[in-house]
């Protein structure tokens, strides 16, 4: 018996809830459609203005998206070969050391041959966007463009300045891919 009463109560409550929802929907639909302040033509113009605004905002957002992805793509292409270029930097260092050693040699043909190969490699890497970060002895030390590996006692005139460049630095476009390693005066 309690089950029967409970079922009847639950059916009545669900029916009442459904009626309330339907009445609420009808009221909100009627309010949207028949606004006594606006005529049908004014309502349509207002709706058209809202849709135009939505369209313009969506169009502007899409244009911004296109510009952003184009910029990201250009950046990706600029630095796409970064890993390969970084792998070639030790070869450039080896060439620098080899040229320093064989320039003392009396074999002109050997020196000329190594210089030609070095120049060709350097010009190829430069064509791909690799640039040397120029830091030389006597320059003021700047931690944004160089890495200090040690400090040595120096005179007052060399305090806080680059004493020696141990390893050259390189950048690809505007991004430094290897900082020059320097010794600074203390």
N, C-alpha and C. Protein backbone atom coordinates (compact mmCIF):
# COMPACT_ATOMS: atom_id res chain seq x y z
N UNK A 1 0.81 -1.18 0.00
CA UNK A 1 0.00 0.00 0.00
C UNK A 1 0.88 1.26 0.00
N UNK A 2 1.92 1.23 0.81
CA UNK A 2 2.82 2.39 0.83
C UNK A 2 3.51 2.59 -0.53
N UNK A 3 3.77 1.46 -1.17
CA UNK A 3 4.41 1.56 -2.48
C UNK A 3 3.50 2.26 -3.47
N UNK A 4 2.20 1.93 -3.43
CA UNK A 4 1.24 2.51 -4.34
C UNK A 4 1.12 4.02 -4.10
N UNK A 5 1.06 4.43 -2.87
CA UNK A 5 0.96 5.85 -2.52
C UNK A 5 2.23 6.59 -2.96
N UNK A 6 3.35 5.97 -2.72
CA UNK A 6 4.62 6.59 -3.08
C UNK A 6 4.72 6.77 -4.60
N UNK A 7 4.29 5.75 -5.39
CA UNK A 7 4.31 5.84 -6.84
C UNK A 7 3.42 6.98 -7.33
N UNK A 8 2.22 7.08 -6.77
CA UNK A 8 1.30 8.14 -7.18
C UNK A 8 1.89 9.52 -6.87
N UNK A 9 2.53 9.65 -5.73
CA UNK A 9 3.13 10.92 -5.36
C UNK A 9 4.28 11.29 -6.30
N UNK A 10 5.10 10.31 -6.64
CA UNK A 10 6.23 10.59 -7.51
C UNK A 10 5.76 10.93 -8.92
N UNK A 11 4.66 10.25 -9.41
CA UNK A 11 4.13 10.57 -10.73
C UNK A 11 3.57 11.98 -10.75
N UNK A 12 2.87 12.35 -9.72
CA UNK A 12 2.28 13.69 -9.65
C UNK A 12 3.38 14.76 -9.59
N UNK A 13 4.42 14.50 -8.85
CA UNK A 13 5.49 15.49 -8.74
C UNK A 13 6.23 15.65 -10.07
N UNK A 14 6.48 14.54 -10.77
CA UNK A 14 7.15 14.66 -12.07
C UNK A 14 6.27 15.36 -13.08
N UNK A 15 4.96 15.12 -13.05
CA UNK A 15 4.05 15.81 -13.96
C UNK A 15 4.04 17.31 -13.65
N UNK A 16 4.03 17.67 -12.40
CA UNK A 16 4.05 19.09 -12.02
C UNK A 16 5.34 19.77 -12.46
N UNK A 17 6.45 19.07 -12.31
CA UNK A 17 7.75 19.63 -12.72
C UNK A 17 7.75 19.85 -14.23
N UNK A 18 7.26 18.86 -14.99
CA UNK A 18 7.22 19.00 -16.44
C UNK A 18 6.34 20.16 -16.86
N UNK A 19 5.18 20.33 -16.22
CA UNK A 19 4.29 21.45 -16.55
C UNK A 19 4.98 22.78 -16.28
N UNK A 20 5.66 22.88 -15.14
CA UNK A 20 6.35 24.12 -14.81
C UNK A 20 7.43 24.45 -15.84
N UNK A 21 8.16 23.41 -16.27
CA UNK A 21 9.20 23.64 -17.25
C UNK A 21 8.61 24.10 -18.58
N UNK A 22 7.54 23.46 -19.02
CA UNK A 22 6.90 23.85 -20.26
C UNK A 22 6.39 25.28 -20.19
N UNK A 23 5.78 25.65 -19.10
CA UNK A 23 5.27 27.01 -18.95
C UNK A 23 6.42 28.01 -18.97
N UNK A 24 7.52 27.65 -18.30
CA UNK A 24 8.70 28.53 -18.28
C UNK A 24 9.28 28.72 -19.67
N UNK A 25 9.33 27.63 -20.46
CA UNK A 25 9.86 27.73 -21.82
C UNK A 25 8.95 28.59 -22.67
N UNK A 26 7.64 28.41 -22.54
CA UNK A 26 6.71 29.20 -23.34
C UNK A 26 6.83 30.68 -23.01
N UNK A 27 6.98 30.98 -21.75
CA UNK A 27 7.10 32.38 -21.35
C UNK A 27 8.37 32.98 -21.95
N UNK A 28 9.52 32.26 -21.84
CA UNK A 28 10.77 32.81 -22.35
C UNK A 28 10.73 32.93 -23.87
N UNK A 29 10.09 31.98 -24.57
CA UNK A 29 9.97 32.08 -26.02
C UNK A 29 9.10 33.28 -26.39
N UNK A 30 8.02 33.46 -25.69
CA UNK A 30 7.13 34.57 -25.98
C UNK A 30 7.81 35.91 -25.71
N UNK A 31 8.60 35.96 -24.68
CA UNK A 31 9.31 37.21 -24.37
C UNK A 31 10.29 37.56 -25.48
N UNK A 32 10.97 36.55 -26.02
CA UNK A 32 11.93 36.81 -27.08
C UNK A 32 11.24 37.23 -28.36
N UNK A 33 10.15 36.59 -28.69
CA UNK A 33 9.49 36.85 -29.95
C UNK A 33 8.69 38.15 -29.90
N UNK A 34 7.92 38.33 -28.90
CA UNK A 34 7.06 39.51 -28.85
C UNK A 34 7.55 40.46 -27.79
N UNK A 35 8.43 41.34 -28.17
CA UNK A 35 8.89 42.39 -27.28
C UNK A 35 8.05 43.61 -27.63
N UNK A 36 7.19 44.06 -26.72
CA UNK A 36 6.25 45.13 -27.06
C UNK A 36 6.93 46.44 -27.44
N UNK A 37 8.19 46.63 -27.07
CA UNK A 37 8.87 47.88 -27.36
C UNK A 37 9.35 47.96 -28.81
N UNK A 38 9.62 46.79 -29.45
CA UNK A 38 10.18 46.78 -30.79
C UNK A 38 9.19 46.20 -31.79
N UNK A 39 9.20 46.78 -32.98
CA UNK A 39 8.36 46.22 -34.04
C UNK A 39 9.11 45.04 -34.64
N UNK A 40 8.45 44.31 -35.52
CA UNK A 40 9.07 43.14 -36.14
C UNK A 40 10.28 43.55 -36.96
N UNK A 41 10.17 44.65 -37.67
CA UNK A 41 11.28 45.11 -38.50
C UNK A 41 12.47 45.53 -37.64
N UNK A 42 12.22 46.23 -36.55
CA UNK A 42 13.28 46.65 -35.65
C UNK A 42 13.94 45.43 -34.99
N UNK A 43 13.12 44.44 -34.65
CA UNK A 43 13.65 43.21 -34.06
C UNK A 43 14.57 42.51 -35.05
N UNK A 44 14.17 42.43 -36.32
CA UNK A 44 15.00 41.80 -37.35
C UNK A 44 16.30 42.58 -37.56
N UNK A 45 16.21 43.91 -37.55
CA UNK A 45 17.42 44.72 -37.71
C UNK A 45 18.38 44.51 -36.53
N UNK A 46 17.82 44.41 -35.35
CA UNK A 46 18.64 44.16 -34.16
C UNK A 46 19.31 42.79 -34.24
N UNK A 47 18.55 41.79 -34.66
CA UNK A 47 19.11 40.44 -34.82
C UNK A 47 20.20 40.44 -35.89
N UNK A 48 19.96 41.16 -36.99
CA UNK A 48 20.95 41.24 -38.05
C UNK A 48 22.23 41.91 -37.55
N UNK A 49 22.09 42.95 -36.78
CA UNK A 49 23.26 43.65 -36.22
C UNK A 49 24.05 42.73 -35.30
N UNK A 50 23.33 41.93 -34.49
CA UNK A 50 24.01 40.98 -33.60
C UNK A 50 24.78 39.94 -34.41
N UNK A 51 24.16 39.43 -35.46
CA UNK A 51 24.82 38.42 -36.30
C UNK A 51 26.02 39.01 -37.03
N UNK A 52 25.90 40.25 -37.51
CA UNK A 52 27.04 40.90 -38.16
C UNK A 52 28.19 41.05 -37.18
N UNK A 53 27.88 41.46 -35.95
CA UNK A 53 28.90 41.62 -34.92
C UNK A 53 29.59 40.29 -34.64
N UNK A 54 28.80 39.23 -34.51
CA UNK A 54 29.38 37.89 -34.29
C UNK A 54 30.30 37.51 -35.44
N UNK A 55 29.82 37.77 -36.67
CA UNK A 55 30.60 37.42 -37.86
C UNK A 55 31.92 38.20 -37.87
N UNK A 56 31.87 39.50 -37.62
CA UNK A 56 33.09 40.31 -37.63
C UNK A 56 34.07 39.86 -36.57
N UNK A 57 33.58 39.52 -35.40
CA UNK A 57 34.46 39.05 -34.33
C UNK A 57 35.11 37.71 -34.70
N UNK A 58 34.30 36.83 -35.28
CA UNK A 58 34.83 35.54 -35.69
C UNK A 58 35.86 35.71 -36.80
N UNK A 59 35.57 36.58 -37.75
CA UNK A 59 36.49 36.84 -38.84
C UNK A 59 37.80 37.42 -38.32
N UNK A 60 37.73 38.37 -37.40
CA UNK A 60 38.94 38.97 -36.82
C UNK A 60 39.74 37.93 -36.05
N UNK A 61 39.06 37.08 -35.33
CA UNK A 61 39.75 36.02 -34.58
C UNK A 61 40.46 35.06 -35.53
N UNK A 62 39.80 34.74 -36.64
CA UNK A 62 40.41 33.85 -37.62
C UNK A 62 41.62 34.50 -38.28
N UNK A 63 41.53 35.80 -38.59
CA UNK A 63 42.67 36.50 -39.17
C UNK A 63 43.85 36.52 -38.19
N UNK A 64 43.58 36.75 -36.93
CA UNK A 64 44.65 36.73 -35.91
C UNK A 64 45.28 35.34 -35.83
N UNK A 65 44.45 34.31 -35.92
CA UNK A 65 44.95 32.94 -35.89
C UNK A 65 45.87 32.69 -37.08
N UNK A 66 45.46 33.13 -38.27
CA UNK A 66 46.28 32.94 -39.47
C UNK A 66 47.62 33.65 -39.33
N UNK A 67 47.60 34.88 -38.83
CA UNK A 67 48.85 35.62 -38.67
C UNK A 67 49.77 34.95 -37.66
N UNK A 68 49.17 34.49 -36.56
CA UNK A 68 49.97 33.85 -35.51
C UNK A 68 50.60 32.56 -36.02
N UNK A 69 49.83 31.74 -36.73
CA UNK A 69 50.39 30.47 -37.23
C UNK A 69 51.42 30.73 -38.32
N UNK A 70 51.23 31.76 -39.14
CA UNK A 70 52.23 32.08 -40.16
C UNK A 70 53.54 32.51 -39.49
N UNK A 71 53.43 33.31 -38.44
CA UNK A 71 54.62 33.75 -37.72
C UNK A 71 55.33 32.56 -37.07
N UNK A 72 54.55 31.66 -36.46
CA UNK A 72 55.14 30.48 -35.84
C UNK A 72 55.81 29.59 -36.88
N UNK A 73 55.21 29.48 -38.06
CA UNK A 73 55.79 28.67 -39.13
C UNK A 73 57.11 29.25 -39.60
N UNK A 74 57.16 30.58 -39.75
CA UNK A 74 58.41 31.24 -40.17
C UNK A 74 59.49 31.01 -39.13
N UNK A 75 59.15 31.14 -37.85
CA UNK A 75 60.11 30.89 -36.77
C UNK A 75 60.60 29.45 -36.80
N UNK A 76 59.69 28.53 -37.08
CA UNK A 76 60.07 27.12 -37.14
C UNK A 76 61.04 26.88 -38.29
N UNK A 77 60.77 27.47 -39.45
CA UNK A 77 61.68 27.30 -40.58
C UNK A 77 63.03 27.93 -40.32
N UNK A 78 63.05 29.06 -39.60
CA UNK A 78 64.32 29.72 -39.31
C UNK A 78 65.20 28.84 -38.42
N UNK A 79 64.58 28.15 -37.47
CA UNK A 79 65.37 27.36 -36.52
C UNK A 79 65.26 25.86 -36.77
N UNK A 80 64.75 25.47 -37.93
CA UNK A 80 64.57 24.04 -38.21
C UNK A 80 65.91 23.30 -38.25
N UNK A 81 66.93 23.94 -38.79
CA UNK A 81 68.23 23.30 -38.90
C UNK A 81 69.13 23.54 -37.72
N UNK A 82 68.58 24.01 -36.63
CA UNK A 82 69.38 24.38 -35.47
C UNK A 82 70.20 23.20 -34.95
N UNK A 83 69.61 22.04 -34.87
CA UNK A 83 70.34 20.88 -34.35
C UNK A 83 71.50 20.50 -35.25
N UNK A 84 71.28 20.54 -36.55
CA UNK A 84 72.35 20.21 -37.50
C UNK A 84 73.47 21.23 -37.40
N UNK A 85 73.10 22.50 -37.32
CA UNK A 85 74.13 23.53 -37.21
C UNK A 85 74.90 23.41 -35.90
N UNK A 86 74.21 23.09 -34.82
CA UNK A 86 74.91 22.90 -33.54
C UNK A 86 75.86 21.71 -33.62
N UNK A 87 75.49 20.69 -34.36
CA UNK A 87 76.38 19.54 -34.51
C UNK A 87 77.61 19.89 -35.34
N UNK A 88 77.51 20.90 -36.20
CA UNK A 88 78.63 21.30 -37.05
C UNK A 88 79.60 22.25 -36.34
N UNK A 89 79.18 22.83 -35.22
CA UNK A 89 80.04 23.80 -34.53
C UNK A 89 81.36 23.19 -34.05
N UNK A 90 81.37 21.98 -33.51
CA UNK A 90 82.68 21.40 -33.14
C UNK A 90 83.60 21.20 -34.35
N UNK A 91 83.05 20.96 -35.51
CA UNK A 91 83.86 20.82 -36.73
C UNK A 91 84.50 22.18 -37.05
N UNK A 92 83.71 23.26 -36.88
CA UNK A 92 84.27 24.59 -37.11
C UNK A 92 85.41 24.87 -36.12
N UNK A 93 85.21 24.46 -34.86
CA UNK A 93 86.26 24.65 -33.86
C UNK A 93 87.52 23.87 -34.23
N UNK A 94 87.34 22.64 -34.71
CA UNK A 94 88.48 21.83 -35.12
C UNK A 94 89.23 22.49 -36.28
N UNK A 95 88.50 23.06 -37.22
CA UNK A 95 89.13 23.75 -38.33
C UNK A 95 89.94 24.95 -37.83
N UNK A 96 89.37 25.71 -36.88
CA UNK A 96 90.10 26.85 -36.32
C UNK A 96 91.42 26.39 -35.70
N UNK A 97 91.36 25.32 -34.91
CA UNK A 97 92.57 24.81 -34.27
C UNK A 97 93.57 24.28 -35.30
N UNK A 98 93.04 23.59 -36.32
CA UNK A 98 93.92 23.05 -37.36
C UNK A 98 94.61 24.18 -38.12
N UNK A 99 93.86 25.21 -38.45
CA UNK A 99 94.47 26.34 -39.16
C UNK A 99 95.53 27.03 -38.32
N UNK A 100 95.29 27.13 -37.01
CA UNK A 100 96.27 27.75 -36.13
C UNK A 100 97.56 26.92 -36.09
N UNK A 101 97.44 25.60 -36.13
CA UNK A 101 98.63 24.74 -36.06
C UNK A 101 99.37 24.66 -37.39
N UNK A 102 98.61 24.52 -38.49
CA UNK A 102 99.30 24.32 -39.77
C UNK A 102 99.78 25.63 -40.38
N UNK A 103 99.31 26.76 -39.86
CA UNK A 103 99.81 28.04 -40.39
C UNK A 103 101.29 28.21 -40.04
N UNK A 104 101.73 27.50 -39.02
CA UNK A 104 103.15 27.52 -38.65
C UNK A 104 103.96 26.63 -39.59
N UNK A 105 103.26 25.77 -40.29
CA UNK A 105 103.92 24.84 -41.21
C UNK A 105 104.45 25.59 -42.44
N UNK A 106 105.42 25.00 -43.08
CA UNK A 106 106.00 25.60 -44.28
C UNK A 106 105.31 25.10 -45.53
N UNK A 107 104.38 24.16 -45.41
CA UNK A 107 103.70 23.59 -46.58
C UNK A 107 102.53 24.50 -46.98
N UNK A 108 102.80 25.37 -47.94
CA UNK A 108 101.80 26.34 -48.39
C UNK A 108 100.58 25.66 -49.00
N UNK A 109 100.75 24.59 -49.70
CA UNK A 109 99.64 23.89 -50.36
C UNK A 109 98.67 23.33 -49.33
N UNK A 110 99.22 22.78 -48.26
CA UNK A 110 98.38 22.23 -47.18
C UNK A 110 97.57 23.34 -46.53
N UNK A 111 98.20 24.44 -46.20
CA UNK A 111 97.53 25.57 -45.58
C UNK A 111 96.43 26.10 -46.50
N UNK A 112 96.74 26.26 -47.78
CA UNK A 112 95.79 26.78 -48.75
C UNK A 112 94.60 25.83 -48.89
N UNK A 113 94.84 24.53 -48.93
CA UNK A 113 93.76 23.54 -49.07
C UNK A 113 92.82 23.55 -47.88
N UNK A 114 93.38 23.57 -46.67
CA UNK A 114 92.55 23.59 -45.47
C UNK A 114 91.76 24.89 -45.39
N UNK A 115 92.38 26.01 -45.75
CA UNK A 115 91.66 27.29 -45.75
C UNK A 115 90.50 27.28 -46.74
N UNK A 116 90.68 26.68 -47.90
CA UNK A 116 89.59 26.60 -48.88
C UNK A 116 88.41 25.78 -48.34
N UNK A 117 88.72 24.64 -47.74
CA UNK A 117 87.66 23.80 -47.18
C UNK A 117 86.95 24.52 -46.04
N UNK A 118 87.75 25.17 -45.19
CA UNK A 118 87.17 25.91 -44.06
C UNK A 118 86.27 27.05 -44.54
N UNK A 119 86.73 27.80 -45.53
CA UNK A 119 85.94 28.91 -46.07
C UNK A 119 84.65 28.41 -46.70
N UNK A 120 84.71 27.29 -47.38
CA UNK A 120 83.51 26.73 -48.01
C UNK A 120 82.50 26.29 -46.94
N UNK A 121 82.98 25.62 -45.91
CA UNK A 121 82.09 25.20 -44.81
C UNK A 121 81.49 26.42 -44.12
N UNK A 122 82.32 27.41 -43.85
CA UNK A 122 81.85 28.61 -43.16
C UNK A 122 80.82 29.37 -44.00
N UNK A 123 81.05 29.48 -45.30
CA UNK A 123 80.09 30.20 -46.16
C UNK A 123 78.78 29.43 -46.28
N UNK A 124 78.84 28.11 -46.29
CA UNK A 124 77.62 27.29 -46.35
C UNK A 124 76.80 27.48 -45.09
N UNK A 125 77.45 27.45 -43.94
CA UNK A 125 76.74 27.63 -42.67
C UNK A 125 76.21 29.06 -42.53
N UNK A 126 76.95 30.03 -43.04
CA UNK A 126 76.50 31.42 -43.02
C UNK A 126 75.26 31.59 -43.91
N UNK A 127 75.24 30.90 -45.03
CA UNK A 127 74.08 30.96 -45.93
C UNK A 127 72.84 30.36 -45.26
N UNK A 128 73.03 29.44 -44.34
CA UNK A 128 71.90 28.84 -43.60
C UNK A 128 71.49 29.67 -42.39
N UNK A 129 72.16 30.82 -42.18
CA UNK A 129 71.75 31.74 -41.11
C UNK A 129 72.65 31.76 -39.89
N UNK A 130 73.73 31.01 -39.92
CA UNK A 130 74.63 30.97 -38.77
C UNK A 130 75.54 32.19 -38.78
N UNK A 131 75.63 32.86 -37.64
CA UNK A 131 76.50 34.03 -37.50
C UNK A 131 77.36 33.86 -36.26
N UNK A 132 78.55 34.41 -36.32
CA UNK A 132 79.44 34.36 -35.17
C UNK A 132 79.10 35.50 -34.22
N UNK A 133 79.07 35.20 -32.92
CA UNK A 133 78.87 36.23 -31.90
C UNK A 133 80.23 36.83 -31.63
N UNK A 134 80.36 38.11 -31.91
CA UNK A 134 81.67 38.75 -31.81
C UNK A 134 81.92 39.25 -30.39
N UNK A 135 82.88 38.63 -29.76
CA UNK A 135 83.38 39.04 -28.45
C UNK A 135 84.90 38.94 -28.55
N UNK A 136 85.57 40.01 -28.15
CA UNK A 136 87.03 39.98 -28.23
C UNK A 136 87.64 40.47 -26.92
N UNK A 137 88.89 40.19 -26.74
CA UNK A 137 89.59 40.58 -25.51
C UNK A 137 89.54 42.09 -25.37
N UNK A 138 89.23 42.54 -24.17
CA UNK A 138 89.14 43.97 -23.88
C UNK A 138 87.72 44.47 -23.86
N UNK A 139 86.76 43.70 -24.38
CA UNK A 139 85.35 44.11 -24.34
C UNK A 139 84.82 43.99 -22.91
N UNK A 140 83.84 44.80 -22.61
CA UNK A 140 83.15 44.73 -21.32
C UNK A 140 82.37 43.41 -21.28
N UNK A 141 82.44 42.69 -20.16
CA UNK A 141 81.74 41.41 -20.06
C UNK A 141 80.24 41.65 -19.91
N UNK A 142 79.45 40.94 -20.72
CA UNK A 142 77.99 41.01 -20.68
C UNK A 142 77.47 39.57 -20.61
N UNK A 143 76.85 39.22 -19.51
CA UNK A 143 76.38 37.84 -19.30
C UNK A 143 75.26 37.44 -20.25
N UNK A 144 74.64 38.43 -20.92
CA UNK A 144 73.59 38.10 -21.88
C UNK A 144 74.15 37.57 -23.19
N UNK A 145 75.43 37.87 -23.47
CA UNK A 145 76.02 37.48 -24.75
C UNK A 145 77.24 36.59 -24.62
N UNK A 146 77.67 36.29 -23.41
CA UNK A 146 78.86 35.46 -23.23
C UNK A 146 78.76 34.70 -21.92
N UNK A 147 79.50 33.60 -21.87
CA UNK A 147 79.52 32.76 -20.68
C UNK A 147 80.93 32.81 -20.08
N UNK A 148 81.02 33.24 -18.83
CA UNK A 148 82.32 33.31 -18.17
C UNK A 148 82.64 31.94 -17.58
N UNK A 149 83.77 31.38 -17.99
CA UNK A 149 84.13 30.07 -17.45
C UNK A 149 85.09 30.18 -16.28
N UNK A 150 85.82 31.30 -16.21
CA UNK A 150 86.71 31.51 -15.07
C UNK A 150 87.09 32.99 -14.97
N UNK A 151 87.63 33.34 -13.81
CA UNK A 151 88.15 34.69 -13.59
C UNK A 151 89.63 34.57 -13.24
N UNK A 152 90.40 35.49 -13.74
CA UNK A 152 91.81 35.49 -13.39
C UNK A 152 92.17 36.88 -12.87
N UNK A 153 93.18 36.95 -12.01
CA UNK A 153 93.59 38.26 -11.52
C UNK A 153 94.14 39.10 -12.68
N UNK A 154 93.67 40.32 -12.78
CA UNK A 154 94.12 41.21 -13.85
C UNK A 154 94.26 42.61 -13.26
N UNK A 155 94.86 43.47 -14.02
CA UNK A 155 95.03 44.84 -13.57
C UNK A 155 93.68 45.55 -13.49
N UNK A 156 93.71 46.74 -12.93
CA UNK A 156 92.47 47.51 -12.77
C UNK A 156 91.82 47.82 -14.11
N UNK A 157 92.63 47.97 -15.15
CA UNK A 157 92.07 48.31 -16.45
C UNK A 157 91.31 47.13 -17.08
N UNK A 158 91.57 45.89 -16.66
CA UNK A 158 90.89 44.71 -17.23
C UNK A 158 89.86 44.11 -16.27
N UNK A 159 89.59 44.76 -15.17
CA UNK A 159 88.64 44.24 -14.19
C UNK A 159 87.23 44.28 -14.78
N UNK A 160 86.57 43.12 -14.82
CA UNK A 160 85.22 43.02 -15.37
C UNK A 160 85.17 43.00 -16.88
N UNK A 161 86.32 42.85 -17.50
CA UNK A 161 86.39 42.80 -18.96
C UNK A 161 86.86 41.43 -19.43
N UNK A 162 86.63 41.16 -20.69
CA UNK A 162 87.04 39.89 -21.29
C UNK A 162 88.55 39.90 -21.47
N UNK A 163 89.21 38.88 -20.91
CA UNK A 163 90.65 38.75 -21.04
C UNK A 163 90.98 37.85 -22.23
N UNK A 164 90.23 36.76 -22.39
CA UNK A 164 90.49 35.81 -23.47
C UNK A 164 89.19 35.13 -23.89
N UNK A 165 89.08 34.81 -25.17
CA UNK A 165 87.93 34.05 -25.69
C UNK A 165 88.40 32.61 -25.89
N UNK A 166 87.83 31.69 -25.11
CA UNK A 166 88.24 30.29 -25.16
C UNK A 166 87.54 29.57 -26.30
N UNK A 167 86.24 29.85 -26.49
CA UNK A 167 85.45 29.19 -27.53
C UNK A 167 84.52 30.21 -28.16
N UNK A 168 84.45 30.22 -29.47
CA UNK A 168 83.59 31.16 -30.18
C UNK A 168 82.12 30.83 -29.93
N UNK A 169 81.30 31.86 -30.03
CA UNK A 169 79.86 31.68 -29.90
C UNK A 169 79.19 31.92 -31.24
N UNK A 170 78.01 31.32 -31.41
CA UNK A 170 77.28 31.44 -32.67
C UNK A 170 75.81 31.68 -32.39
N UNK A 171 75.18 32.37 -33.35
CA UNK A 171 73.74 32.59 -33.26
C UNK A 171 73.09 32.24 -34.59
N UNK A 172 71.85 31.84 -34.49
CA UNK A 172 71.04 31.49 -35.66
C UNK A 172 69.91 32.49 -35.71
N UNK A 173 69.99 33.42 -36.65
CA UNK A 173 69.02 34.51 -36.68
C UNK A 173 69.29 35.41 -35.49
N UNK A 174 68.28 35.60 -34.64
CA UNK A 174 68.45 36.42 -33.44
C UNK A 174 68.70 35.58 -32.19
N UNK A 175 68.65 34.28 -32.33
CA UNK A 175 68.77 33.38 -31.18
C UNK A 175 70.21 32.86 -31.06
N UNK A 176 70.79 33.02 -29.89
CA UNK A 176 72.15 32.51 -29.66
C UNK A 176 72.04 31.00 -29.40
N UNK A 177 72.73 30.20 -30.24
CA UNK A 177 72.66 28.75 -30.06
C UNK A 177 73.87 28.22 -29.29
N UNK A 178 74.94 29.00 -29.24
CA UNK A 178 76.07 28.66 -28.37
C UNK A 178 76.74 29.96 -27.94
N UNK A 179 76.79 30.15 -26.63
CA UNK A 179 77.41 31.36 -26.09
C UNK A 179 78.93 31.25 -26.16
N UNK A 180 79.61 32.36 -26.43
CA UNK A 180 81.08 32.33 -26.41
C UNK A 180 81.55 32.11 -24.96
N UNK A 181 82.54 31.28 -24.81
CA UNK A 181 83.11 31.01 -23.49
C UNK A 181 84.34 31.90 -23.33
N UNK A 182 84.33 32.70 -22.25
CA UNK A 182 85.37 33.69 -22.07
C UNK A 182 85.97 33.63 -20.67
N UNK A 183 87.16 34.20 -20.57
CA UNK A 183 87.83 34.38 -19.29
C UNK A 183 87.77 35.86 -18.98
N UNK A 184 87.36 36.20 -17.75
CA UNK A 184 87.24 37.62 -17.41
C UNK A 184 88.23 37.98 -16.29
N UNK A 185 88.55 39.24 -16.25
CA UNK A 185 89.49 39.72 -15.23
C UNK A 185 88.78 40.02 -13.92
N UNK A 186 89.47 39.69 -12.84
CA UNK A 186 88.89 39.92 -11.49
C UNK A 186 89.60 41.05 -10.80
